[in-house]
Amino acid sequence: MYKIIGVDEKEYGPISAEQLRRWISEGRINANTKVQPEGAGVWKRVAEMPEFAAALASSAPMSHMAPITMASAPAPAKANLVAVWALITGIISLPPCCGWILGPVSIVLGCIALSQIKKNPQQTGSGFAIAGIVLGILSLILVVICIVVFVSFPQQYWTNLQNSLQQ
């Protein structure tokens, strides 16, 4: 069994000697491809390994050989930071004392994040942005409810406040 280093400088394997010979004949590996036999700690060029000399001799000329290319995993998607901040400000805006300031901030950040994610599909975080918008709207609703309750029952509010302060 062998390991090889592909054109993308990544290590692949283990693969059998038979597979290596087949790739040489297909032109996917050339004489300069780095190979490491199982158990050996040294990388060598295929041309330096006698067991592949016959396969190299019968393969196409070097100028026509295409180096091996291996598909690599796609890069992980990155969360949109504006969406994360929309969620954070939405959570912090829930207490009514913070909602009148941070609620609109959360809504605006969420809308900006959704716009950025739509323009750049590699970004993730639309769930964060939507959650921030929903929490921002919820905090504004709570602020309005608190104002309506206070305006509707101001005397009862002050009486309850005085009673709780005396205790």
C-alpha atoms as a PDB file:
ATOM      1  CA  MET A   1       0.000   0.000   0.000  1.00  0.00           C
ATOM      2  CA  TYR A   2       1.145   3.519  -0.811  1.00  0.00           C
ATOM      3  CA  LYS A   3       0.280   7.127  -0.100  1.00  0.00           C
ATOM      4  CA  ILE A   4       0.662   9.880  -2.677  1.00  0.00           C
ATOM      5  CA  ILE A   5       0.719  13.652  -2.652  1.00  0.00           C
ATOM      6  CA  GLY A   6      -1.618  15.096  -5.272  1.00  0.00           C
ATOM      7  CA  VAL A   7      -1.261  18.290  -7.262  1.00  0.00           C
ATOM      8  CA  ASP A   8      -3.229  20.088  -4.542  1.00  0.00           C
ATOM      9  CA  GLU A   9      -0.423  19.153  -2.072  1.00  0.00           C
ATOM     10  CA  LYS A  10      -2.777  16.927  -0.062  1.00  0.00           C
ATOM     11  CA  GLU A  11      -2.005  13.391   1.000  1.00  0.00           C
ATOM     12  CA  TYR A  12      -4.120  10.563  -0.437  1.00  0.00           C
ATOM     13  CA  GLY A  13      -4.166   6.867   0.220  1.00  0.00           C
ATOM     14  CA  PRO A  14      -3.543   4.194   1.075  1.00  0.00           C
ATOM     15  CA  ILE A  15      -3.761   2.838  -2.469  1.00  0.00           C
ATOM     16  CA  SER A  16      -2.411  -0.369  -3.933  1.00  0.00           C
ATOM     17  CA  ALA A  17       0.576  -0.733  -6.280  1.00  0.00           C
ATOM     18  CA  GLU A  18      -1.880  -1.942  -8.934  1.00  0.00           C
ATOM     19  CA  GLN A  19      -3.880   1.299  -8.617  1.00  0.00           C
ATOM     20  CA  LEU A  20      -0.666   3.342  -8.862  1.00  0.00           C
ATOM     21  CA  ARG A  21       0.334   1.533 -12.062  1.00  0.00           C
ATOM     22  CA  ARG A  22      -3.127   2.118 -13.523  1.00  0.00           C
ATOM     23  CA  TRP A  23      -2.935   5.855 -12.721  1.00  0.00           C
ATOM     24  CA  ILE A  24       0.509   5.995 -14.323  1.00  0.00           C
ATOM     25  CA  SER A  25      -0.845   4.370 -17.492  1.00  0.00           C
ATOM     26  CA  GLU A  26      -3.810   6.794 -17.490  1.00  0.00           C
ATOM     27  CA  GLY A  27      -1.432   9.743 -17.140  1.00  0.00           C
ATOM     28  CA  ARG A  28      -2.882  10.780 -13.782  1.00  0.00           C
ATOM     29  CA  ILE A  29       0.461  10.263 -12.034  1.00  0.00           C
ATOM     30  CA  ASN A  30       3.830  11.170 -13.497  1.00  0.00           C
ATOM     31  CA  ALA A  31       7.447  10.464 -12.610  1.00  0.00           C
ATOM     32  CA  ASN A  32       7.581  13.484 -10.268  1.00  0.00           C
ATOM     33  CA  THR A  33       4.562  12.507  -8.140  1.00  0.00           C
ATOM     34  CA  LYS A  34       5.574  11.967  -4.509  1.00  0.00           C
ATOM     35  CA  VAL A  35       4.913   8.458  -3.170  1.00  0.00           C
ATOM     36  CA  GLN A  36       5.437   6.904   0.239  1.00  0.00           C
ATOM     37  CA  PRO A  37       5.384   3.129   0.713  1.00  0.00           C
ATOM     38  CA  GLU A  38       3.480   1.908   3.750  1.00  0.00           C
ATOM     39  CA  GLY A  39       5.751   1.789   6.780  1.00  0.00           C
ATOM     40  CA  ALA A  40       8.417   4.007   5.186  1.00  0.00           C
ATOM     41  CA  GLY A  41       8.969   7.465   6.597  1.00  0.00           C
ATOM     42  CA  VAL A  42      10.413   8.949   3.416  1.00  0.00           C
ATOM     43  CA  TRP A  43       8.613  10.397   0.400  1.00  0.00           C
ATOM     44  CA  LYS A  44      10.115   9.534  -2.982  1.00  0.00           C
ATOM     45  CA  ARG A  45       9.344  10.445  -6.551  1.00  0.00           C
ATOM     46  CA  VAL A  46       7.675   7.654  -8.543  1.00  0.00           C
ATOM     47  CA  ALA A  47      10.721   7.666 -10.857  1.00  0.00           C
ATOM     48  CA  GLU A  48      12.937   6.663  -7.899  1.00  0.00           C
ATOM     49  CA  MET A  49      10.938   3.500  -7.206  1.00  0.00           C
ATOM     50  CA  PRO A  50      12.037   0.482  -9.257  1.00  0.00           C
ATOM     51  CA  GLU A  51       8.660  -1.288  -8.946  1.00  0.00           C
ATOM     52  CA  PHE A  52       7.079   1.399 -11.136  1.00  0.00           C
ATOM     53  CA  ALA A  53       9.841   1.724 -13.754  1.00  0.00           C
ATOM     54  CA  ALA A  54       8.074  -0.528 -16.259  1.00  0.00           C
ATOM     55  CA  ALA A  55       4.798   1.367 -15.882  1.00  0.00           C
ATOM     56  CA  LEU A  56       6.591   4.699 -16.373  1.00  0.00           C
ATOM     57  CA  ALA A  57       8.412   3.411 -19.465  1.00  0.00           C
ATOM     58  CA  SER A  58       5.175   2.272 -21.125  1.00  0.00           C
ATOM     59  CA  SER A  59       3.196   5.390 -20.183  1.00  0.00           C
ATOM     60  CA  ALA A  60       2.632   8.436 -22.376  1.00  0.00           C
ATOM     61  CA  PRO A  61       5.415  11.044 -22.653  1.00  0.00           C
ATOM     62  CA  MET A  62       5.690  13.491 -19.785  1.00  0.00           C
ATOM     63  CA  SER A  63       4.438  16.437 -21.822  1.00  0.00           C
ATOM     64  CA  HIS A  64       1.046  14.740 -22.291  1.00  0.00           C
ATOM     65  CA  MET A  65       0.653  13.559 -18.732  1.00  0.00           C
ATOM     66  CA  ALA A  66      -1.960  15.203 -16.583  1.00  0.00           C
ATOM     67  CA  PRO A  67      -1.090  15.217 -12.904  1.00  0.00           C
ATOM     68  CA  ILE A  68      -3.502  13.561 -10.544  1.00  0.00           C
ATOM     69  CA  THR A  69      -6.239  15.808  -9.297  1.00  0.00           C
ATOM     70  CA  MET A  70      -8.343  14.888  -6.333  1.00  0.00           C
ATOM     71  CA  ALA A  71     -11.585  16.596  -5.454  1.00  0.00           C
ATOM     72  CA  SER A  72     -11.381  18.364  -2.155  1.00  0.00           C
ATOM     73  CA  ALA A  73     -14.190  19.041   0.244  1.00  0.00           C
ATOM     74  CA  PRO A  74     -15.814  22.441  -0.116  1.00  0.00           C
ATOM     75  CA  ALA A  75     -14.769  25.112   2.329  1.00  0.00           C
ATOM     76  CA  PRO A  76     -17.089  25.346   5.312  1.00  0.00           C
ATOM     77  CA  ALA A  77     -19.646  28.100   5.031  1.00  0.00           C
ATOM     78  CA  LYS A  78     -19.129  31.088   7.286  1.00  0.00           C
ATOM     79  CA  ALA A  79     -21.906  32.606   9.344  1.00  0.00           C
ATOM     80  CA  ASN A  80     -22.711  36.217   8.578  1.00  0.00           C
ATOM     81  CA  LEU A  81     -21.567  38.247  11.604  1.00  0.00           C
ATOM     82  CA  VAL A  82     -24.276  40.865  11.117  1.00  0.00           C
ATOM     83  CA  ALA A  83     -26.842  38.045  11.466  1.00  0.00           C
ATOM     84  CA  VAL A  84     -25.188  36.915  14.691  1.00  0.00           C
ATOM     85  CA  TRP A  85     -25.334  40.472  16.040  1.00  0.00           C
ATOM     86  CA  ALA A  86     -28.996  40.726  15.021  1.00  0.00           C
ATOM     87  CA  LEU A  87     -29.715  37.673  17.163  1.00  0.00           C
ATOM     88  CA  ILE A  88     -27.653  38.966  20.107  1.00  0.00           C
ATOM     89  CA  THR A  89     -29.303  42.409  20.093  1.00  0.00           C
ATOM     90  CA  GLY A  90     -32.698  40.727  19.701  1.00  0.00           C
ATOM     91  CA  ILE A  91     -32.127  38.661  22.831  1.00  0.00           C
ATOM     92  CA  ILE A  92     -30.843  41.623  24.835  1.00  0.00           C
ATOM     93  CA  SER A  93     -33.794  43.766  23.689  1.00  0.00           C
ATOM     94  CA  LEU A  94     -36.406  41.555  25.368  1.00  0.00           C
ATOM     95  CA  PRO A  95     -36.482  43.356  28.739  1.00  0.00           C
ATOM     96  CA  PRO A  96     -38.811  46.345  28.160  1.00  0.00           C
ATOM     97  CA  CYS A  97     -36.182  48.787  29.437  1.00  0.00           C
ATOM     98  CA  CYS A  98     -33.872  47.840  26.521  1.00  0.00           C
ATOM     99  CA  GLY A  99     -36.482  47.054  23.881  1.00  0.00           C
ATOM    100  CA  TRP A 100     -37.165  50.570  22.683  1.00  0.00           C
ATOM    101  CA  ILE A 101     -33.506  51.018  21.700  1.00  0.00           C
ATOM    102  CA  LEU A 102     -32.265  47.536  20.796  1.00  0.00           C
ATOM    103  CA  GLY A 103     -35.487  46.273  19.211  1.00  0.00           C
ATOM    104  CA  PRO A 104     -35.177  48.511  16.130  1.00  0.00           C
ATOM    105  CA  VAL A 105     -31.405  47.876  16.033  1.00  0.00           C
ATOM    106  CA  SER A 106     -32.040  44.135  15.927  1.00  0.00           C
ATOM    107  CA  ILE A 107     -34.615  44.510  13.143  1.00  0.00           C
ATOM    108  CA  VAL A 108     -32.300  46.673  11.032  1.00  0.00           C
ATOM    109  CA  LEU A 109     -29.311  44.343  11.552  1.00  0.00           C
ATOM    110  CA  GLY A 110     -31.442  41.334  10.650  1.00  0.00           C
ATOM    111  CA  CYS A 111     -32.613  42.959   7.409  1.00  0.00           C
ATOM    112  CA  ILE A 112     -29.061  43.968   6.479  1.00  0.00           C
ATOM    113  CA  ALA A 113     -27.830  40.419   7.192  1.00  0.00           C
ATOM    114  CA  LEU A 114     -30.548  38.842   5.044  1.00  0.00           C
ATOM    115  CA  SER A 115     -29.612  41.175   2.198  1.00  0.00           C
ATOM    116  CA  GLN A 116     -25.919  40.270   2.527  1.00  0.00           C
ATOM    117  CA  ILE A 117     -26.678  36.534   2.664  1.00  0.00           C
ATOM    118  CA  LYS A 118     -28.845  36.823  -0.442  1.00  0.00           C
ATOM    119  CA  LYS A 119     -25.965  38.495  -2.316  1.00  0.00           C
ATOM    120  CA  ASN A 120     -23.373  35.962  -1.081  1.00  0.00           C
ATOM    121  CA  PRO A 121     -24.808  32.415  -0.971  1.00  0.00           C
ATOM    122  CA  GLN A 122     -21.614  31.019   0.629  1.00  0.00           C
ATOM    123  CA  GLN A 123     -22.595  32.752   3.868  1.00  0.00           C
ATOM    124  CA  THR A 124     -24.966  31.199   6.348  1.00  0.00           C
ATOM    125  CA  GLY A 125     -26.919  32.688   9.209  1.00  0.00           C
ATOM    126  CA  SER A 126     -30.309  33.511   7.748  1.00  0.00           C
ATOM    127  CA  GLY A 127     -31.878  31.770  10.766  1.00  0.00           C
ATOM    128  CA  PHE A 128     -29.950  34.083  13.093  1.00  0.00           C
ATOM    129  CA  ALA A 129     -31.095  37.112  11.102  1.00  0.00           C
ATOM    130  CA  ILE A 130     -34.740  36.032  11.098  1.00  0.00           C
ATOM    131  CA  ALA A 131     -34.626  35.256  14.819  1.00  0.00           C
ATOM    132  CA  GLY A 132     -33.131  38.705  15.469  1.00  0.00           C
ATOM    133  CA  ILE A 133     -35.927  40.366  13.475  1.00  0.00           C
ATOM    134  CA  VAL A 134     -38.618  38.377  15.303  1.00  0.00           C
ATOM    135  CA  LEU A 135     -37.103  39.133  18.726  1.00  0.00           C
ATOM    136  CA  GLY A 136     -36.781  42.821  17.820  1.00  0.00           C
ATOM    137  CA  ILE A 137     -40.461  42.974  16.835  1.00  0.00           C
ATOM    138  CA  LEU A 138     -41.433  41.072  19.985  1.00  0.00           C
ATOM    139  CA  SER A 139     -39.474  43.498  22.173  1.00  0.00           C
ATOM    140  CA  LEU A 140     -41.198  46.490  20.524  1.00  0.00           C
ATOM    141  CA  ILE A 141     -44.580  44.870  21.166  1.00  0.00           C
ATOM    142  CA  LEU A 142     -43.620  44.411  24.838  1.00  0.00           C
ATOM    143  CA  VAL A 143     -42.593  48.061  25.077  1.00  0.00           C
ATOM    144  CA  VAL A 144     -45.919  49.171  23.600  1.00  0.00           C
ATOM    145  CA  ILE A 145     -47.831  46.923  26.041  1.00  0.00           C
ATOM    146  CA  CYS A 146     -45.883  48.386  28.985  1.00  0.00           C
ATOM    147  CA  ILE A 147     -46.608  51.938  27.834  1.00  0.00           C
ATOM    148  CA  VAL A 148     -50.321  51.189  27.365  1.00  0.00           C
ATOM    149  CA  VAL A 149     -50.543  49.610  30.842  1.00  0.00           C
ATOM    150  CA  PHE A 150     -48.719  52.524  32.434  1.00  0.00           C
ATOM    151  CA  VAL A 151     -50.828  55.158  30.660  1.00  0.00           C
ATOM    152  CA  SER A 152     -54.071  53.296  31.421  1.00  0.00           C
ATOM    153  CA  PHE A 153     -53.393  52.767  35.123  1.00  0.00           C
ATOM    154  CA  PRO A 154     -50.873  55.404  36.277  1.00  0.00           C
ATOM    155  CA  GLN A 155     -52.252  55.782  39.801  1.00  0.00           C
ATOM    156  CA  GLN A 156     -52.292  52.042  40.433  1.00  0.00           C
ATOM    157  CA  TYR A 157     -48.718  51.785  39.120  1.00  0.00           C
ATOM    158  CA  TRP A 158     -47.432  54.462  41.507  1.00  0.00           C
ATOM    159  CA  THR A 159     -49.347  52.981  44.447  1.00  0.00           C
ATOM    160  CA  ASN A 160     -47.902  49.523  43.806  1.00  0.00           C
ATOM    161  CA  LEU A 161     -44.433  50.993  43.397  1.00  0.00           C
ATOM    162  CA  GLN A 162     -44.663  52.884  46.723  1.00  0.00           C
ATOM    163  CA  ASN A 163     -45.972  49.785  48.522  1.00  0.00           C
ATOM    164  CA  SER A 164     -43.176  47.629  47.190  1.00  0.00           C
ATOM    165  CA  LEU A 165     -40.535  50.216  48.156  1.00  0.00           C
ATOM    166  CA  GLN A 166     -41.869  50.447  51.719  1.00  0.00           C
ATOM    167  CA  GLN A 167     -41.583  46.695  52.188  1.00  0.00           C
END
